[in-house]
Full PDB file with SEQRES, HELIX, SHEET, SSBOND, CRYST1, ORIGX, SCALE, CONECT and MASTER records, all heavy atoms in Angstrom:
SEQRES   1 A   32  LEU GLY MET PHE ALA ASP ASP ASN GLU TYR ASP GLN ILE          
SEQRES   2 A   32  PRO TYR GLU VAL ASN ALA SER ALA GLU HIS GLU ALA LEU          
SEQRES   3 A   32  SER LEU LYS ALA ALA GLU                                      
HELIX    1 AA1 GLU A    9  GLN A   12  5                                   4    
HELIX    2 AA2 TYR A   15  VAL A   17  5                                   3    
HELIX    3 AA3 ALA A   21  ALA A   31  1                                  11    
CRYST1    1.000    1.000    1.000  90.00  90.00  90.00 P 1           1          
ORIGX1      1.000000  0.000000  0.000000        0.00000                         
ORIGX2      0.000000  1.000000  0.000000        0.00000                         
ORIGX3      0.000000  0.000000  1.000000        0.00000                         
SCALE1      1.000000  0.000000  0.000000        0.00000                         
SCALE2      0.000000  1.000000  0.000000        0.00000                         
SCALE3      0.000000  0.000000  1.000000        0.00000                         
ATOM      1  N   LEU A   1     -11.259  11.807  -2.415  1.00  0.00           N  
ATOM      2  CA  LEU A   1     -10.482  10.541  -2.771  1.00  0.00           C  
ATOM      3  C   LEU A   1      -9.712  10.686  -4.101  1.00  0.00           C  
ATOM      4  O   LEU A   1      -8.943   9.818  -4.489  1.00  0.00           O  
ATOM      5  CB  LEU A   1     -11.411   9.348  -2.798  1.00  0.00           C  
ATOM      6  CG  LEU A   1     -11.809   8.801  -1.494  1.00  0.00           C  
ATOM      7  CD1 LEU A   1     -13.045   7.875  -1.586  1.00  0.00           C  
ATOM      8  CD2 LEU A   1     -10.682   8.053  -0.748  1.00  0.00           C  
ATOM      9  N   GLY A   2      -9.960  11.821  -4.835  1.00  0.00           N  
ATOM     10  CA  GLY A   2      -9.287  12.026  -6.111  1.00  0.00           C  
ATOM     11  C   GLY A   2      -9.840  11.210  -7.267  1.00  0.00           C  
ATOM     12  O   GLY A   2      -9.125  10.959  -8.175  1.00  0.00           O  
ATOM     13  N   MET A   3     -11.064  10.804  -7.129  1.00  0.00           N  
ATOM     14  CA  MET A   3     -11.668   9.968  -8.180  1.00  0.00           C  
ATOM     15  C   MET A   3     -11.870  10.679  -9.474  1.00  0.00           C  
ATOM     16  O   MET A   3     -12.034  10.073 -10.568  1.00  0.00           O  
ATOM     17  CB  MET A   3     -12.962   9.383  -7.799  1.00  0.00           C  
ATOM     18  CG  MET A   3     -12.837   8.331  -6.682  1.00  0.00           C  
ATOM     19  SD  MET A   3     -14.520   7.618  -6.228  1.00  0.00           S  
ATOM     20  CE  MET A   3     -13.995   6.336  -5.063  1.00  0.00           C  
ATOM     21  N   PHE A   4     -11.916  12.071  -9.403  1.00  0.00           N  
ATOM     22  CA  PHE A   4     -12.130  12.828 -10.633  1.00  0.00           C  
ATOM     23  C   PHE A   4     -10.889  13.682 -10.953  1.00  0.00           C  
ATOM     24  O   PHE A   4     -11.007  14.689 -11.706  1.00  0.00           O  
ATOM     25  CB  PHE A   4     -13.344  13.796 -10.430  1.00  0.00           C  
ATOM     26  CG  PHE A   4     -14.612  12.996 -10.033  1.00  0.00           C  
ATOM     27  CD1 PHE A   4     -15.059  12.962  -8.692  1.00  0.00           C  
ATOM     28  CD2 PHE A   4     -15.339  12.311 -10.994  1.00  0.00           C  
ATOM     29  CE1 PHE A   4     -16.156  12.286  -8.347  1.00  0.00           C  
ATOM     30  CE2 PHE A   4     -16.476  11.622 -10.604  1.00  0.00           C  
ATOM     31  CZ  PHE A   4     -16.871  11.595  -9.324  1.00  0.00           C  
ATOM     32  N   ALA A   5      -9.739  13.298 -10.421  1.00  0.00           N  
ATOM     33  CA  ALA A   5      -8.556  14.071 -10.636  1.00  0.00           C  
ATOM     34  C   ALA A   5      -7.570  13.362 -11.508  1.00  0.00           C  
ATOM     35  O   ALA A   5      -7.588  12.059 -11.625  1.00  0.00           O  
ATOM     36  CB  ALA A   5      -7.870  14.304  -9.217  1.00  0.00           C  
ATOM     37  N   ASP A   6      -6.701  14.029 -12.143  1.00  0.00           N  
ATOM     38  CA  ASP A   6      -5.654  13.490 -12.955  1.00  0.00           C  
ATOM     39  C   ASP A   6      -4.275  13.652 -12.428  1.00  0.00           C  
ATOM     40  O   ASP A   6      -3.221  13.423 -12.965  1.00  0.00           O  
ATOM     41  CB  ASP A   6      -5.662  13.976 -14.450  1.00  0.00           C  
ATOM     42  CG  ASP A   6      -5.553  15.489 -14.446  1.00  0.00           C  
ATOM     43  OD1 ASP A   6      -5.327  16.150 -13.419  1.00  0.00           O  
ATOM     44  OD2 ASP A   6      -5.863  16.126 -15.507  1.00  0.00           O  
ATOM     45  N   ASP A   7      -4.265  14.180 -11.129  1.00  0.00           N  
ATOM     46  CA  ASP A   7      -2.947  14.354 -10.456  1.00  0.00           C  
ATOM     47  C   ASP A   7      -2.846  13.572  -9.134  1.00  0.00           C  
ATOM     48  O   ASP A   7      -2.166  14.096  -8.215  1.00  0.00           O  
ATOM     49  CB  ASP A   7      -2.718  15.908 -10.253  1.00  0.00           C  
ATOM     50  CG  ASP A   7      -3.721  16.464  -9.260  1.00  0.00           C  
ATOM     51  OD1 ASP A   7      -4.820  15.863  -9.079  1.00  0.00           O  
ATOM     52  OD2 ASP A   7      -3.437  17.549  -8.686  1.00  0.00           O  
ATOM     53  N   ASN A   8      -3.531  12.489  -9.011  1.00  0.00           N  
ATOM     54  CA  ASN A   8      -3.600  11.715  -7.787  1.00  0.00           C  
ATOM     55  C   ASN A   8      -2.426  10.728  -7.711  1.00  0.00           C  
ATOM     56  O   ASN A   8      -2.378   9.737  -8.483  1.00  0.00           O  
ATOM     57  CB  ASN A   8      -4.917  10.962  -7.685  1.00  0.00           C  
ATOM     58  CG  ASN A   8      -5.141  10.380  -6.336  1.00  0.00           C  
ATOM     59  OD1 ASN A   8      -4.240  10.286  -5.489  1.00  0.00           O  
ATOM     60  ND2 ASN A   8      -6.343   9.942  -6.057  1.00  0.00           N  
ATOM     61  N   GLU A   9      -1.451  11.031  -6.831  1.00  0.00           N  
ATOM     62  CA  GLU A   9      -0.326  10.179  -6.727  1.00  0.00           C  
ATOM     63  C   GLU A   9      -0.608   8.743  -6.333  1.00  0.00           C  
ATOM     64  O   GLU A   9       0.126   7.760  -6.665  1.00  0.00           O  
ATOM     65  CB  GLU A   9       0.718  10.781  -5.728  1.00  0.00           C  
ATOM     66  CG  GLU A   9       0.116  10.885  -4.332  1.00  0.00           C  
ATOM     67  CD  GLU A   9       1.157  11.483  -3.329  1.00  0.00           C  
ATOM     68  OE1 GLU A   9       2.342  11.116  -3.465  1.00  0.00           O  
ATOM     69  OE2 GLU A   9       0.717  12.287  -2.458  1.00  0.00           O  
ATOM     70  N   TYR A  10      -1.755   8.541  -5.589  1.00  0.00           N  
ATOM     71  CA  TYR A  10      -2.112   7.262  -5.178  1.00  0.00           C  
ATOM     72  C   TYR A  10      -2.533   6.348  -6.298  1.00  0.00           C  
ATOM     73  O   TYR A  10      -2.567   5.134  -6.180  1.00  0.00           O  
ATOM     74  CB  TYR A  10      -3.219   7.344  -4.108  1.00  0.00           C  
ATOM     75  CG  TYR A  10      -2.869   8.125  -2.864  1.00  0.00           C  
ATOM     76  CD1 TYR A  10      -3.770   9.090  -2.334  1.00  0.00           C  
ATOM     77  CD2 TYR A  10      -1.617   7.926  -2.288  1.00  0.00           C  
ATOM     78  CE1 TYR A  10      -3.450   9.760  -1.226  1.00  0.00           C  
ATOM     79  CE2 TYR A  10      -1.329   8.675  -1.133  1.00  0.00           C  
ATOM     80  CZ  TYR A  10      -2.205   9.608  -0.617  1.00  0.00           C  
ATOM     81  OH  TYR A  10      -1.868  10.345   0.472  1.00  0.00           O  
ATOM     82  N   ASP A  11      -2.901   6.908  -7.471  1.00  0.00           N  
ATOM     83  CA  ASP A  11      -3.209   6.100  -8.600  1.00  0.00           C  
ATOM     84  C   ASP A  11      -2.037   5.333  -9.110  1.00  0.00           C  
ATOM     85  O   ASP A  11      -2.178   4.334  -9.883  1.00  0.00           O  
ATOM     86  CB  ASP A  11      -3.715   6.946  -9.735  1.00  0.00           C  
ATOM     87  CG  ASP A  11      -5.071   7.679  -9.455  1.00  0.00           C  
ATOM     88  OD1 ASP A  11      -5.766   7.143  -8.547  1.00  0.00           O  
ATOM     89  OD2 ASP A  11      -5.462   8.545 -10.145  1.00  0.00           O  
ATOM     90  N   GLN A  12      -0.848   5.609  -8.663  1.00  0.00           N  
ATOM     91  CA  GLN A  12       0.358   4.911  -9.132  1.00  0.00           C  
ATOM     92  C   GLN A  12       0.818   3.870  -8.210  1.00  0.00           C  
ATOM     93  O   GLN A  12       1.856   3.210  -8.498  1.00  0.00           O  
ATOM     94  CB  GLN A  12       1.499   5.960  -9.331  1.00  0.00           C  
ATOM     95  CG  GLN A  12       1.134   7.187 -10.111  1.00  0.00           C  
ATOM     96  CD  GLN A  12       0.593   6.849 -11.493  1.00  0.00           C  
ATOM     97  OE1 GLN A  12       1.103   5.954 -12.161  1.00  0.00           O  
ATOM     98  NE2 GLN A  12      -0.507   7.514 -11.863  1.00  0.00           N  
ATOM     99  N   ILE A  13       0.123   3.616  -7.100  1.00  0.00           N  
ATOM    100  CA  ILE A  13       0.532   2.507  -6.193  1.00  0.00           C  
ATOM    101  C   ILE A  13       0.288   1.180  -6.860  1.00  0.00           C  
ATOM    102  O   ILE A  13      -0.781   0.832  -7.343  1.00  0.00           O  
ATOM    103  CB  ILE A  13      -0.279   2.598  -4.894  1.00  0.00           C  
ATOM    104  CG1 ILE A  13       0.011   3.877  -4.138  1.00  0.00           C  
ATOM    105  CG2 ILE A  13       0.062   1.395  -4.056  1.00  0.00           C  
ATOM    106  CD1 ILE A  13      -0.813   3.999  -2.866  1.00  0.00           C  
ATOM    107  N   PRO A  14       1.392   0.376  -7.026  1.00  0.00           N  
ATOM    108  CA  PRO A  14       1.305  -0.851  -7.798  1.00  0.00           C  
ATOM    109  C   PRO A  14       0.712  -2.017  -6.990  1.00  0.00           C  
ATOM    110  O   PRO A  14       0.801  -2.045  -5.820  1.00  0.00           O  
ATOM    111  CB  PRO A  14       2.765  -1.147  -8.146  1.00  0.00           C  
ATOM    112  CG  PRO A  14       3.546  -0.607  -6.995  1.00  0.00           C  
ATOM    113  CD  PRO A  14       2.776   0.655  -6.531  1.00  0.00           C  
ATOM    114  N   TYR A  15       0.200  -2.939  -7.739  1.00  0.00           N  
ATOM    115  CA  TYR A  15      -0.400  -4.128  -7.165  1.00  0.00           C  
ATOM    116  C   TYR A  15       0.571  -4.967  -6.319  1.00  0.00           C  
ATOM    117  O   TYR A  15       0.206  -5.579  -5.319  1.00  0.00           O  
ATOM    118  CB  TYR A  15      -0.982  -5.015  -8.305  1.00  0.00           C  
ATOM    119  CG  TYR A  15      -1.713  -6.312  -7.766  1.00  0.00           C  
ATOM    120  CD1 TYR A  15      -2.998  -6.184  -7.198  1.00  0.00           C  
ATOM    121  CD2 TYR A  15      -1.078  -7.485  -7.861  1.00  0.00           C  
ATOM    122  CE1 TYR A  15      -3.619  -7.350  -6.737  1.00  0.00           C  
ATOM    123  CE2 TYR A  15      -1.713  -8.651  -7.409  1.00  0.00           C  
ATOM    124  CZ  TYR A  15      -2.955  -8.619  -6.861  1.00  0.00           C  
ATOM    125  OH  TYR A  15      -3.575  -9.746  -6.385  1.00  0.00           O  
ATOM    126  N   GLU A  16       1.833  -4.841  -6.713  1.00  0.00           N  
ATOM    127  CA  GLU A  16       2.873  -5.663  -6.055  1.00  0.00           C  
ATOM    128  C   GLU A  16       3.098  -5.345  -4.598  1.00  0.00           C  
ATOM    129  O   GLU A  16       3.752  -6.157  -3.881  1.00  0.00           O  
ATOM    130  CB  GLU A  16       4.237  -5.583  -6.855  1.00  0.00           C  
ATOM    131  CG  GLU A  16       4.253  -6.325  -8.187  1.00  0.00           C  
ATOM    132  CD  GLU A  16       3.325  -5.688  -9.222  1.00  0.00           C  
ATOM    133  OE1 GLU A  16       2.992  -4.480  -9.108  1.00  0.00           O  
ATOM    134  OE2 GLU A  16       2.905  -6.406 -10.163  1.00  0.00           O  
ATOM    135  N   VAL A  17       2.564  -4.249  -4.075  1.00  0.00           N  
ATOM    136  CA  VAL A  17       2.800  -3.908  -2.647  1.00  0.00           C  
ATOM    137  C   VAL A  17       1.995  -4.847  -1.765  1.00  0.00           C  
ATOM    138  O   VAL A  17       2.257  -4.925  -0.515  1.00  0.00           O  
ATOM    139  CB  VAL A  17       2.465  -2.427  -2.380  1.00  0.00           C  
ATOM    140  CG1 VAL A  17       3.382  -1.503  -3.175  1.00  0.00           C  
ATOM    141  CG2 VAL A  17       1.011  -2.215  -2.530  1.00  0.00           C  
ATOM    142  N   ASN A  18       0.970  -5.456  -2.309  1.00  0.00           N  
ATOM    143  CA  ASN A  18       0.104  -6.321  -1.481  1.00  0.00           C  
ATOM    144  C   ASN A  18       0.900  -7.454  -0.881  1.00  0.00           C  
ATOM    145  O   ASN A  18       1.627  -8.162  -1.569  1.00  0.00           O  
ATOM    146  CB  ASN A  18      -1.036  -6.875  -2.342  1.00  0.00           C  
ATOM    147  CG  ASN A  18      -2.144  -5.910  -2.542  1.00  0.00           C  
ATOM    148  OD1 ASN A  18      -2.824  -5.507  -1.647  1.00  0.00           O  
ATOM    149  ND2 ASN A  18      -2.266  -5.475  -3.769  1.00  0.00           N  
ATOM    150  N   ALA A  19       0.715  -7.590   0.478  1.00  0.00           N  
ATOM    151  CA  ALA A  19       1.397  -8.667   1.180  1.00  0.00           C  
ATOM    152  C   ALA A  19       2.896  -8.757   0.939  1.00  0.00           C  
ATOM    153  O   ALA A  19       3.485  -9.840   0.824  1.00  0.00           O  
ATOM    154  CB  ALA A  19       0.744 -10.044   0.912  1.00  0.00           C  
ATOM    155  N   SER A  20       3.483  -7.568   0.806  1.00  0.00           N  
ATOM    156  CA  SER A  20       4.953  -7.523   0.597  1.00  0.00           C  
ATOM    157  C   SER A  20       5.715  -7.990   1.845  1.00  0.00           C  
ATOM    158  O   SER A  20       5.137  -8.053   2.991  1.00  0.00           O  
ATOM    159  CB  SER A  20       5.356  -6.060   0.269  1.00  0.00           C  
ATOM    160  OG  SER A  20       5.190  -5.239   1.375  1.00  0.00           O  
ATOM    161  N   ALA A  21       6.956  -8.294   1.720  1.00  0.00           N  
ATOM    162  CA  ALA A  21       7.752  -8.761   2.867  1.00  0.00           C  
ATOM    163  C   ALA A  21       7.794  -7.692   3.990  1.00  0.00           C  
ATOM    164  O   ALA A  21       7.739  -8.023   5.156  1.00  0.00           O  
ATOM    165  CB  ALA A  21       9.218  -9.024   2.361  1.00  0.00           C  
ATOM    166  N   GLU A  22       7.812  -6.431   3.592  1.00  0.00           N  
ATOM    167  CA  GLU A  22       7.836  -5.353   4.530  1.00  0.00           C  
ATOM    168  C   GLU A  22       6.532  -5.337   5.327  1.00  0.00           C  
ATOM    169  O   GLU A  22       6.469  -5.159   6.575  1.00  0.00           O  
ATOM    170  CB  GLU A  22       8.098  -4.003   3.876  1.00  0.00           C  
ATOM    171  CG  GLU A  22       8.103  -2.829   4.811  1.00  0.00           C  
ATOM    172  CD  GLU A  22       8.262  -1.469   4.097  1.00  0.00           C  
ATOM    173  OE1 GLU A  22       8.315  -1.536   2.850  1.00  0.00           O  
ATOM    174  OE2 GLU A  22       8.288  -0.456   4.755  1.00  0.00           O  
ATOM    175  N   HIS A  23       5.400  -5.477   4.651  1.00  0.00           N  
ATOM    176  CA  HIS A  23       4.108  -5.475   5.295  1.00  0.00           C  
ATOM    177  C   HIS A  23       3.940  -6.669   6.175  1.00  0.00           C  
ATOM    178  O   HIS A  23       3.377  -6.573   7.311  1.00  0.00           O  
ATOM    179  CB  HIS A  23       3.014  -5.406   4.248  1.00  0.00           C  
ATOM    180  CG  HIS A  23       3.024  -4.120   3.430  1.00  0.00           C  
ATOM    181  ND1 HIS A  23       2.089  -3.886   2.370  1.00  0.00           N  
ATOM    182  CD2 HIS A  23       3.782  -3.013   3.505  1.00  0.00           C  
ATOM    183  CE1 HIS A  23       2.290  -2.700   1.895  1.00  0.00           C  
ATOM    184  NE2 HIS A  23       3.378  -2.177   2.536  1.00  0.00           N  
ATOM    185  N   GLU A  24       4.393  -7.833   5.702  1.00  0.00           N  
ATOM    186  CA  GLU A  24       4.263  -9.041   6.535  1.00  0.00           C  
ATOM    187  C   GLU A  24       5.062  -8.890   7.776  1.00  0.00           C  
ATOM    188  O   GLU A  24       4.685  -9.388   8.877  1.00  0.00           O  
ATOM    189  CB  GLU A  24       4.670 -10.245   5.722  1.00  0.00           C  
ATOM    190  CG  GLU A  24       3.822 -10.579   4.492  1.00  0.00           C  
ATOM    191  CD  GLU A  24       2.513 -11.085   4.877  1.00  0.00           C  
ATOM    192  OE1 GLU A  24       2.198 -11.369   6.054  1.00  0.00           O  
ATOM    193  OE2 GLU A  24       1.654 -11.321   3.922  1.00  0.00           O  
ATOM    194  N   ALA A  25       6.219  -8.252   7.703  1.00  0.00           N  
ATOM    195  CA  ALA A  25       7.105  -8.079   8.894  1.00  0.00           C  
ATOM    196  C   ALA A  25       6.405  -7.197   9.879  1.00  0.00           C  
ATOM    197  O   ALA A  25       6.470  -7.411  11.142  1.00  0.00           O  
ATOM    198  CB  ALA A  25       8.409  -7.441   8.464  1.00  0.00           C  
ATOM    199  N   LEU A  26       5.660  -6.186   9.441  1.00  0.00           N  
ATOM    200  CA  LEU A  26       4.821  -5.369  10.364  1.00  0.00           C  
ATOM    201  C   LEU A  26       3.726  -6.154  11.053  1.00  0.00           C  
ATOM    202  O   LEU A  26       3.498  -5.943  12.245  1.00  0.00           O  
ATOM    203  CB  LEU A  26       4.331  -4.174   9.645  1.00  0.00           C  
ATOM    204  CG  LEU A  26       3.576  -3.105  10.533  1.00  0.00           C  
ATOM    205  CD1 LEU A  26       4.547  -2.494  11.533  1.00  0.00           C  
ATOM    206  CD2 LEU A  26       2.904  -2.043   9.659  1.00  0.00           C  
ATOM    207  N   SER A  27       3.142  -7.073  10.323  1.00  0.00           N  
ATOM    208  CA  SER A  27       2.091  -7.889  10.907  1.00  0.00           C  
ATOM    209  C   SER A  27       2.665  -8.762  12.045  1.00  0.00           C  
ATOM    210  O   SER A  27       2.065  -8.862  13.125  1.00  0.00           O  
ATOM    211  CB  SER A  27       1.436  -8.815   9.863  1.00  0.00           C  
ATOM    212  OG  SER A  27       0.515  -9.683  10.425  1.00  0.00           O  
ATOM    213  N   LEU A  28       3.831  -9.253  11.806  1.00  0.00           N  
ATOM    214  CA  LEU A  28       4.572 -10.090  12.888  1.00  0.00           C  
ATOM    215  C   LEU A  28       4.842  -9.186  14.022  1.00  0.00           C  
ATOM    216  O   LEU A  28       4.597  -9.602  15.226  1.00  0.00           O  
ATOM    217  CB  LEU A  28       5.786 -10.726  12.320  1.00  0.00           C  
ATOM    218  CG  LEU A  28       6.649 -11.479  13.370  1.00  0.00           C  
ATOM    219  CD1 LEU A  28       5.966 -12.579  14.016  1.00  0.00           C  
ATOM    220  CD2 LEU A  28       7.944 -11.984  12.683  1.00  0.00           C  
ATOM    221  N   LYS A  29       5.349  -8.005  13.852  1.00  0.00           N  
ATOM    222  CA  LYS A  29       5.757  -7.086  14.917  1.00  0.00           C  
ATOM    223  C   LYS A  29       4.443  -6.765  15.755  1.00  0.00           C  
ATOM    224  O   LYS A  29       4.504  -6.686  16.981  1.00  0.00           O  
ATOM    225  CB  LYS A  29       6.335  -5.836  14.385  1.00  0.00           C  
ATOM    226  CG  LYS A  29       6.719  -4.798  15.305  1.00  0.00           C  
ATOM    227  CD  LYS A  29       7.299  -3.572  14.609  1.00  0.00           C  
ATOM    228  CE  LYS A  29       7.749  -2.493  15.570  1.00  0.00           C  
ATOM    229  NZ  LYS A  29       8.254  -1.239  14.928  1.00  0.00           N  
ATOM    230  N   ALA A  30       3.361  -6.491  15.045  1.00  0.00           N  
ATOM    231  CA  ALA A  30       2.090  -6.155  15.701  1.00  0.00           C  
ATOM    232  C   ALA A  30       1.629  -7.288  16.538  1.00  0.00           C  
ATOM    233  O   ALA A  30       1.122  -7.110  17.646  1.00  0.00           O  
ATOM    234  CB  ALA A  30       1.058  -5.760  14.737  1.00  0.00           C  
ATOM    235  N   ALA A  31       1.711  -8.564  16.047  1.00  0.00           N  
ATOM    236  CA  ALA A  31       1.320  -9.760  16.758  1.00  0.00           C  
ATOM    237  C   ALA A  31       2.144  -9.821  18.059  1.00  0.00           C  
ATOM    238  O   ALA A  31       1.582 -10.123  19.130  1.00  0.00           O  
ATOM    239  CB  ALA A  31       1.424 -10.931  15.884  1.00  0.00           C  
ATOM    240  N   GLU A  32       3.394  -9.707  17.956  1.00  0.00           N  
ATOM    241  CA  GLU A  32       4.333  -9.833  19.071  1.00  0.00           C  
ATOM    242  C   GLU A  32       3.953  -8.803  20.173  1.00  0.00           C  
ATOM    243  O   GLU A  32       3.974  -9.149  21.371  1.00  0.00           O  
ATOM    244  CB  GLU A  32       5.771  -9.582  18.658  1.00  0.00           C  
ATOM    245  CG  GLU A  32       6.285 -10.764  17.812  1.00  0.00           C  
ATOM    246  CD  GLU A  32       7.692 -10.433  17.242  1.00  0.00           C  
ATOM    247  OE1 GLU A  32       8.081  -9.241  17.210  1.00  0.00           O  
ATOM    248  OE2 GLU A  32       8.352 -11.325  16.730  1.00  0.00           O  
TER     249      GLU A  32                                                      
MASTER        0    0    0    3    0    0    0    6  248    1    0    3          
END                                                                             
């Protein structure tokens, strides 16, 4: 999982992606 690494690109994923408009649109598509 890269917990002991200093080159983990996933460490840079920002909090703002949560429930973004793009993600919500995918939820609607999946429901349909």
